[in-house]
Amino acid sequence: MNSGTDPTDRTITVTATAGTAVATLPVSVTGTSLSLSGPANLVLNNSGSYDVLLTNSSGQGIPGVSVTVSSANGNTVAPAMITTDGSGRGTISLTAAVGAQTR
C-alpha cells in the first residue's frame, strides 16, 4: 500500500485479504503502510495466526496504534482489536468458521 501521488493527509479504508478472510481498516495517510501476513488458506474449523505490521513512510514500525480486524465472511477473529507493539506489530488468530461460497 502507498499513498500514491496525493500529498494531502487523509483517511482511507484499507482492505487486507488472506484466502477468504478479509479485514478492513481506516488508516490516516501520512506515509503509513499496513500489511497482513499469514496462511492464504485454512481448512474449515481450523485456525491460523496472522501478523499485522503498521509502518511509516520510512519503513519504521508505528507503536501504540489500535487496529480493528474483522472478517467479511463472518469467520472468527481474535482479538478483534489489537494495539501495535513497540515495533508496530500485532498478531491475530482467524478461525475458519464459515466455508467458502461456491457458485
N, C-alpha and C. Protein backbone atom coordinates (compact mmCIF):
# COMPACT_ATOMS: atom_id res chain seq x y z
N MET A 1 0.84 -1.16 0.00
CA MET A 1 0.00 0.00 0.00
C MET A 1 0.89 1.22 0.00
N ASN A 2 0.51 2.23 -0.76
CA ASN A 2 1.17 3.51 -0.65
C ASN A 2 0.15 4.61 -0.86
N SER A 3 0.54 5.82 -0.59
CA SER A 3 -0.41 6.94 -0.66
C SER A 3 -0.56 7.49 -2.06
N GLY A 4 0.14 6.92 -3.03
CA GLY A 4 0.03 7.39 -4.41
C GLY A 4 0.65 8.76 -4.56
N THR A 5 0.10 9.55 -5.45
CA THR A 5 0.67 10.87 -5.69
C THR A 5 -0.06 11.97 -4.94
N ASP A 6 -1.08 11.63 -4.17
CA ASP A 6 -1.83 12.62 -3.40
C ASP A 6 -1.05 12.96 -2.13
N PRO A 7 -0.54 14.20 -2.01
CA PRO A 7 0.29 14.55 -0.86
C PRO A 7 -0.50 14.96 0.38
N THR A 8 -1.83 15.04 0.29
CA THR A 8 -2.62 15.52 1.42
C THR A 8 -2.81 14.44 2.48
N ASP A 9 -2.91 14.88 3.74
CA ASP A 9 -3.26 13.97 4.83
C ASP A 9 -4.75 13.67 4.71
N ARG A 10 -5.11 12.40 4.84
CA ARG A 10 -6.49 11.98 4.70
C ARG A 10 -6.66 10.60 5.31
N THR A 11 -7.89 10.15 5.38
CA THR A 11 -8.18 8.80 5.87
C THR A 11 -8.66 7.96 4.70
N ILE A 12 -8.08 6.77 4.55
CA ILE A 12 -8.53 5.83 3.53
C ILE A 12 -8.91 4.53 4.22
N THR A 13 -9.66 3.70 3.53
CA THR A 13 -10.01 2.39 4.07
C THR A 13 -9.14 1.35 3.38
N VAL A 14 -8.41 0.59 4.19
CA VAL A 14 -7.53 -0.45 3.69
C VAL A 14 -8.21 -1.80 3.90
N THR A 15 -8.17 -2.63 2.87
CA THR A 15 -8.71 -3.98 2.97
C THR A 15 -7.58 -4.97 2.82
N ALA A 16 -7.43 -5.85 3.80
CA ALA A 16 -6.43 -6.91 3.75
C ALA A 16 -7.15 -8.23 3.53
N THR A 17 -6.65 -9.04 2.59
CA THR A 17 -7.28 -10.31 2.27
C THR A 17 -6.26 -11.44 2.38
N ALA A 18 -6.66 -12.52 3.04
CA ALA A 18 -5.85 -13.73 3.12
C ALA A 18 -6.80 -14.90 2.88
N GLY A 19 -6.73 -15.48 1.70
CA GLY A 19 -7.69 -16.53 1.35
C GLY A 19 -9.08 -15.92 1.32
N THR A 20 -10.01 -16.45 2.10
CA THR A 20 -11.36 -15.91 2.16
C THR A 20 -11.54 -14.92 3.29
N ALA A 21 -10.51 -14.71 4.10
CA ALA A 21 -10.58 -13.75 5.20
C ALA A 21 -10.30 -12.35 4.67
N VAL A 22 -11.14 -11.43 5.05
CA VAL A 22 -10.98 -10.04 4.62
C VAL A 22 -11.09 -9.15 5.84
N ALA A 23 -10.16 -8.20 5.97
CA ALA A 23 -10.20 -7.24 7.06
C ALA A 23 -10.08 -5.84 6.47
N THR A 24 -10.87 -4.91 7.00
CA THR A 24 -10.77 -3.53 6.56
C THR A 24 -10.40 -2.65 7.74
N LEU A 25 -9.74 -1.54 7.44
CA LEU A 25 -9.24 -0.67 8.48
C LEU A 25 -9.11 0.74 7.94
N PRO A 26 -9.66 1.75 8.66
CA PRO A 26 -9.41 3.13 8.26
C PRO A 26 -7.99 3.51 8.69
N VAL A 27 -7.23 4.10 7.78
CA VAL A 27 -5.84 4.47 8.06
C VAL A 27 -5.63 5.92 7.66
N SER A 28 -5.02 6.70 8.56
CA SER A 28 -4.65 8.06 8.23
C SER A 28 -3.43 8.01 7.33
N VAL A 29 -3.51 8.66 6.18
CA VAL A 29 -2.41 8.63 5.22
C VAL A 29 -1.46 9.78 5.51
N THR A 30 -0.30 9.44 5.98
CA THR A 30 0.80 10.37 6.16
C THR A 30 2.08 9.59 5.89
N GLY A 31 1.98 8.67 4.95
CA GLY A 31 3.12 7.82 4.61
C GLY A 31 3.08 6.47 5.30
N THR A 32 1.92 6.08 5.84
CA THR A 32 1.81 4.82 6.56
C THR A 32 1.59 3.64 5.62
N SER A 33 1.93 2.44 6.11
CA SER A 33 1.72 1.20 5.37
C SER A 33 1.23 0.14 6.34
N LEU A 34 0.22 -0.63 5.95
CA LEU A 34 -0.33 -1.70 6.76
C LEU A 34 -0.22 -3.00 5.99
N SER A 35 0.34 -4.03 6.63
CA SER A 35 0.42 -5.33 5.96
C SER A 35 -0.12 -6.41 6.88
N LEU A 36 -0.62 -7.46 6.26
CA LEU A 36 -1.15 -8.62 6.96
C LEU A 36 -0.53 -9.84 6.32
N SER A 37 0.10 -10.70 7.11
CA SER A 37 0.72 -11.90 6.56
C SER A 37 0.32 -13.11 7.38
N GLY A 38 0.16 -14.22 6.69
CA GLY A 38 -0.23 -15.47 7.33
C GLY A 38 -0.72 -16.44 6.27
N PRO A 39 -1.34 -17.54 6.69
CA PRO A 39 -1.79 -18.56 5.74
C PRO A 39 -2.79 -17.99 4.73
N ALA A 40 -2.64 -18.36 3.46
CA ALA A 40 -3.56 -17.92 2.41
C ALA A 40 -4.85 -18.73 2.43
N ASN A 41 -4.81 -19.93 3.02
CA ASN A 41 -5.98 -20.80 3.08
C ASN A 41 -6.03 -21.50 4.43
N LEU A 42 -7.25 -21.74 4.90
CA LEU A 42 -7.46 -22.51 6.13
C LEU A 42 -8.52 -23.56 5.89
N VAL A 43 -8.35 -24.73 6.49
CA VAL A 43 -9.36 -25.78 6.45
C VAL A 43 -10.47 -25.39 7.42
N LEU A 44 -11.72 -25.65 7.03
CA LEU A 44 -12.87 -25.31 7.86
C LEU A 44 -12.66 -25.78 9.29
N ASN A 45 -12.97 -24.90 10.25
CA ASN A 45 -12.86 -25.12 11.70
C ASN A 45 -11.41 -25.15 12.20
N ASN A 46 -10.46 -24.79 11.38
CA ASN A 46 -9.07 -24.66 11.82
C ASN A 46 -8.71 -23.19 11.92
N SER A 47 -7.62 -22.91 12.66
CA SER A 47 -7.19 -21.54 12.90
C SER A 47 -5.83 -21.29 12.30
N GLY A 48 -5.57 -20.03 12.01
CA GLY A 48 -4.27 -19.61 11.54
C GLY A 48 -3.87 -18.32 12.23
N SER A 49 -2.58 -18.10 12.38
CA SER A 49 -2.05 -16.90 13.02
C SER A 49 -1.63 -15.92 11.93
N TYR A 50 -2.00 -14.66 12.10
CA TYR A 50 -1.70 -13.61 11.12
C TYR A 50 -0.97 -12.47 11.81
N ASP A 51 0.10 -11.99 11.16
CA ASP A 51 0.88 -10.88 11.69
C ASP A 51 0.45 -9.60 11.00
N VAL A 52 0.23 -8.57 11.80
CA VAL A 52 -0.12 -7.25 11.32
C VAL A 52 1.10 -6.36 11.52
N LEU A 53 1.44 -5.55 10.52
CA LEU A 53 2.57 -4.63 10.62
C LEU A 53 2.16 -3.26 10.10
N LEU A 54 2.30 -2.25 10.93
CA LEU A 54 1.99 -0.88 10.58
C LEU A 54 3.28 -0.08 10.58
N THR A 55 3.65 0.50 9.43
CA THR A 55 4.91 1.24 9.31
C THR A 55 4.67 2.64 8.76
N ASN A 56 5.64 3.52 9.01
CA ASN A 56 5.58 4.87 8.46
C ASN A 56 6.28 4.91 7.10
N SER A 57 6.38 6.09 6.54
CA SER A 57 6.95 6.21 5.19
C SER A 57 8.43 5.84 5.13
N SER A 58 9.10 5.76 6.30
CA SER A 58 10.50 5.34 6.35
C SER A 58 10.64 3.85 6.62
N GLY A 59 9.51 3.14 6.72
CA GLY A 59 9.55 1.71 6.98
C GLY A 59 9.70 1.35 8.45
N GLN A 60 9.61 2.34 9.33
CA GLN A 60 9.72 2.09 10.77
C GLN A 60 8.35 1.77 11.33
N GLY A 61 8.29 0.80 12.27
CA GLY A 61 7.04 0.42 12.88
C GLY A 61 6.42 1.57 13.65
N ILE A 62 5.08 1.64 13.61
CA ILE A 62 4.35 2.67 14.35
C ILE A 62 3.73 2.01 15.58
N PRO A 63 4.25 2.33 16.77
CA PRO A 63 3.75 1.68 18.00
C PRO A 63 2.50 2.35 18.55
N GLY A 64 1.74 1.58 19.33
CA GLY A 64 0.62 2.11 20.10
C GLY A 64 -0.61 2.49 19.32
N VAL A 65 -0.80 1.92 18.14
CA VAL A 65 -1.98 2.23 17.32
C VAL A 65 -2.98 1.09 17.43
N SER A 66 -4.24 1.43 17.68
CA SER A 66 -5.30 0.41 17.72
C SER A 66 -5.69 0.04 16.30
N VAL A 67 -5.74 -1.27 16.03
CA VAL A 67 -6.12 -1.80 14.72
C VAL A 67 -7.30 -2.74 14.95
N THR A 68 -8.40 -2.46 14.28
CA THR A 68 -9.59 -3.32 14.37
C THR A 68 -9.60 -4.24 13.16
N VAL A 69 -9.82 -5.53 13.42
CA VAL A 69 -9.79 -6.54 12.36
C VAL A 69 -11.11 -7.30 12.39
N SER A 70 -11.67 -7.55 11.19
CA SER A 70 -12.91 -8.32 11.11
C SER A 70 -12.88 -9.17 9.84
N SER A 71 -13.81 -10.11 9.78
CA SER A 71 -13.95 -10.98 8.61
C SER A 71 -15.26 -10.66 7.92
N ALA A 72 -15.19 -10.30 6.66
CA ALA A 72 -16.39 -10.01 5.88
C ALA A 72 -17.27 -11.24 5.74
N ASN A 73 -16.69 -12.44 5.84
CA ASN A 73 -17.45 -13.69 5.69
C ASN A 73 -17.97 -14.22 7.02
N GLY A 74 -17.71 -13.52 8.12
CA GLY A 74 -18.22 -13.95 9.42
C GLY A 74 -17.35 -14.96 10.14
N ASN A 75 -16.10 -15.13 9.72
CA ASN A 75 -15.19 -16.01 10.44
C ASN A 75 -14.75 -15.35 11.74
N THR A 76 -14.26 -16.14 12.66
CA THR A 76 -13.89 -15.64 13.98
C THR A 76 -12.49 -15.06 13.97
N VAL A 77 -12.36 -13.80 14.39
CA VAL A 77 -11.08 -13.12 14.51
C VAL A 77 -10.86 -12.80 15.98
N ALA A 78 -9.71 -13.17 16.51
CA ALA A 78 -9.43 -12.90 17.92
C ALA A 78 -7.97 -12.48 18.09
N PRO A 79 -7.72 -11.42 18.78
CA PRO A 79 -8.71 -10.45 19.22
C PRO A 79 -9.18 -9.61 18.04
N ALA A 80 -10.35 -9.01 18.17
CA ALA A 80 -10.90 -8.19 17.08
C ALA A 80 -10.21 -6.83 17.02
N MET A 81 -9.55 -6.45 18.12
CA MET A 81 -8.78 -5.21 18.12
C MET A 81 -7.44 -5.47 18.78
N ILE A 82 -6.38 -4.99 18.13
CA ILE A 82 -5.05 -5.09 18.70
C ILE A 82 -4.46 -3.69 18.81
N THR A 83 -3.46 -3.55 19.64
CA THR A 83 -2.66 -2.32 19.70
C THR A 83 -1.26 -2.72 19.29
N THR A 84 -0.71 -2.02 18.30
CA THR A 84 0.61 -2.38 17.81
C THR A 84 1.65 -2.22 18.92
N ASP A 85 2.63 -3.12 18.93
CA ASP A 85 3.69 -3.09 19.94
C ASP A 85 4.74 -2.04 19.57
N GLY A 86 5.84 -2.03 20.26
CA GLY A 86 6.90 -1.06 20.04
C GLY A 86 7.50 -1.11 18.65
N SER A 87 7.31 -2.21 17.94
CA SER A 87 7.82 -2.37 16.58
C SER A 87 6.73 -2.18 15.52
N GLY A 88 5.52 -1.80 15.95
CA GLY A 88 4.41 -1.62 15.01
C GLY A 88 3.73 -2.92 14.62
N ARG A 89 3.95 -3.97 15.42
CA ARG A 89 3.43 -5.30 15.09
C ARG A 89 2.31 -5.73 16.04
N GLY A 90 1.52 -6.66 15.56
CA GLY A 90 0.49 -7.30 16.36
C GLY A 90 0.16 -8.63 15.72
N THR A 91 -0.53 -9.49 16.45
CA THR A 91 -0.89 -10.81 15.93
C THR A 91 -2.36 -11.07 16.22
N ILE A 92 -3.04 -11.65 15.22
CA ILE A 92 -4.42 -12.08 15.40
C ILE A 92 -4.53 -13.55 15.01
N SER A 93 -5.62 -14.16 15.44
CA SER A 93 -5.92 -15.53 15.04
C SER A 93 -7.24 -15.51 14.29
N LEU A 94 -7.29 -16.22 13.18
CA LEU A 94 -8.51 -16.34 12.39
C LEU A 94 -8.93 -17.80 12.40
N THR A 95 -10.18 -18.06 12.79
CA THR A 95 -10.73 -19.41 12.75
C THR A 95 -11.72 -19.48 11.60
N ALA A 96 -11.51 -20.44 10.71
CA ALA A 96 -12.36 -20.61 9.54
C ALA A 96 -13.66 -21.29 9.96
N ALA A 97 -14.60 -20.48 10.45
CA ALA A 97 -15.87 -20.99 10.93
C ALA A 97 -16.93 -21.04 9.83
N VAL A 98 -16.67 -20.32 8.73
CA VAL A 98 -17.61 -20.25 7.61
C VAL A 98 -16.89 -20.73 6.37
N GLY A 99 -17.45 -21.71 5.68
CA GLY A 99 -16.82 -22.25 4.47
C GLY A 99 -16.90 -21.29 3.30
N ALA A 100 -16.09 -21.55 2.31
CA ALA A 100 -16.08 -20.72 1.09
C ALA A 100 -17.41 -20.86 0.36
N GLN A 101 -17.83 -19.79 -0.26
CA GLN A 101 -19.06 -19.79 -1.04
C GLN A 101 -18.70 -20.15 -2.47
N THR A 102 -19.34 -21.17 -3.03
CA THR A 102 -19.08 -21.56 -4.42
C THR A 102 -20.31 -21.28 -5.25
N ARG A 103 -20.10 -21.10 -6.53
CA ARG A 103 -21.23 -20.80 -7.43
C ARG A 103 -21.30 -21.79 -8.53
